[in-house]
Protein backbone atom coordinates (compact mmCIF):
# COMPACT_ATOMS: atom_id res chain seq x y z
CA MET A 1 6.01 -21.05 15.98
CA ASP A 2 5.37 -17.15 14.68
CA VAL A 3 8.20 -16.70 11.98
CA VAL A 4 8.79 -13.11 13.04
CA HIS A 5 8.72 -13.84 16.69
CA TRP A 6 11.25 -16.43 16.04
CA LEU A 7 13.64 -14.32 13.97
CA LEU A 8 13.59 -11.78 16.65
CA GLU A 9 14.10 -14.14 19.60
CA ASN A 10 17.14 -15.27 17.67
CA GLY A 11 18.38 -11.89 17.04
CA LEU A 12 17.74 -12.16 13.17
CA GLU A 13 16.63 -9.41 11.17
CA VAL A 14 13.06 -9.39 10.04
CA PRO A 15 12.86 -9.22 6.23
CA VAL A 16 10.69 -6.64 4.58
CA LYS A 17 7.44 -7.77 2.86
CA SER A 18 8.17 -8.78 -0.76
CA SER A 19 5.91 -8.65 -3.80
CA CYS A 20 5.83 -7.84 -7.53
CA VAL A 21 6.42 -4.30 -8.12
CA MET A 22 2.86 -4.18 -9.64
CA CYS A 23 1.03 -6.40 -7.06
CA PRO A 24 -2.63 -5.51 -7.40
CA TYR A 25 -3.04 -6.16 -3.79
CA ARG A 26 -1.46 -3.39 -2.28
CA ASP A 27 -3.41 -1.01 0.16
CA ARG A 28 -3.42 2.90 -0.05
CA ALA A 29 -0.45 3.22 2.28
CA THR A 30 1.78 0.80 0.66
CA TRP A 31 1.23 2.66 -2.73
CA GLN A 32 2.04 5.83 -0.99
CA LYS A 33 5.08 4.61 0.31
CA ILE A 34 6.39 3.31 -2.79
CA LYS A 35 5.57 6.19 -4.64
CA MET A 36 7.70 8.38 -1.70
CA SER A 37 10.42 5.91 -1.78
CA GLY A 38 12.46 7.08 -4.65
CA ASN A 39 13.86 3.67 -5.70
CA GLY A 40 12.43 3.57 -8.74
CA ASP A 41 9.82 1.00 -8.12
CA TRP A 42 7.09 3.49 -8.59
CA GLN A 43 8.19 4.23 -11.99
CA LYS A 44 8.20 0.24 -12.76
CA ALA A 45 4.91 0.03 -11.42
CA VAL A 46 3.52 2.73 -13.37
CA GLU A 47 4.96 1.24 -16.61
CA ALA A 48 3.59 -2.30 -15.66
CA ASP A 49 0.06 -0.69 -15.19
CA GLU A 50 0.32 1.06 -18.58
CA ALA A 51 1.51 -2.22 -20.26
CA ILE A 52 -1.53 -4.28 -18.96
CA ARG A 53 -3.91 -1.49 -20.03
CA HIS A 54 -5.45 -3.18 -23.02
CA LYS A 55 -3.96 -6.62 -22.81
CA CYS A 56 -7.52 -8.41 -22.20
CA LEU A 57 -9.85 -7.94 -25.17
CA GLY A 58 -13.22 -6.01 -24.07
CA TYR A 59 -11.47 -4.97 -20.74
CA THR A 60 -9.66 -2.07 -19.79
CA CYS A 61 -7.34 -3.10 -16.91
CA TYR A 62 -5.64 -1.42 -13.94
CA VAL A 63 -3.15 -2.26 -11.33
CA SER A 64 -5.13 -0.01 -8.74
CA ASN A 65 -8.63 -0.81 -7.36
CA GLN A 66 -9.36 2.98 -8.24
CA ARG A 67 -9.68 1.79 -11.79
CA LYS A 68 -7.65 4.49 -13.28
CA PRO A 69 -3.86 4.51 -14.34
CA LEU A 70 -1.61 4.24 -11.38
CA GLY A 71 0.14 7.51 -12.28
CA GLU A 72 -3.25 9.52 -11.81
CA CYS A 73 -4.22 7.77 -8.46
CA ASP A 74 -4.26 9.65 -5.17
CA PHE A 75 -2.97 7.33 -2.43
CA SER A 76 -3.05 9.95 0.26
CA SER A 77 -4.99 9.45 3.38
CA GLN A 78 -7.74 11.81 4.65
CA GLU A 79 -5.34 12.84 7.32
CA ASP A 80 -2.92 14.10 4.57
CA HIS A 81 -5.91 16.11 3.23
CA GLY A 82 -6.34 17.55 6.77
CA GLN A 83 -8.79 15.27 8.44
CA MET A 84 -8.13 14.83 12.17
CA ALA A 85 -7.53 11.32 13.31
CA MET A 86 -10.40 10.07 15.19
CA TRP A 87 -8.27 7.81 17.74
CA GLU A 88 -5.01 9.30 18.58
CA ALA A 89 -2.72 7.11 20.75
CA GLU A 90 -4.31 5.88 24.09
CA GLU A 91 -7.42 8.44 23.49
CA CYS A 92 -9.91 5.53 23.13
CA SER A 93 -10.16 3.34 26.26
CA GLY A 94 -12.91 1.01 24.53
CA ASN A 95 -15.35 1.64 27.16
CA CYS A 96 -17.84 3.79 25.06
CA PHE A 97 -21.74 3.57 26.45
CA LEU A 98 -20.56 1.55 29.62
């Protein structure tokens, strides 16, 4: 049975997804959310990113897939830069070219 479904059916709160502060498997939106949260996790992630920079001889390591220091990464979306969203709610019926 799906755990989230079970929790909701039983009136229990669904916990937030947990991971290490410096998890390299985060997507752009999650990094942006952490950066804007103001709870101190962003600073911890930046410090961890800096700490791993030269830990592997011959390699420069980064937490972000942008391959630059976390503090220099731009995690804003194209919409944040003025790009219009292609699929607004219920705009696409999925019947193109029929």
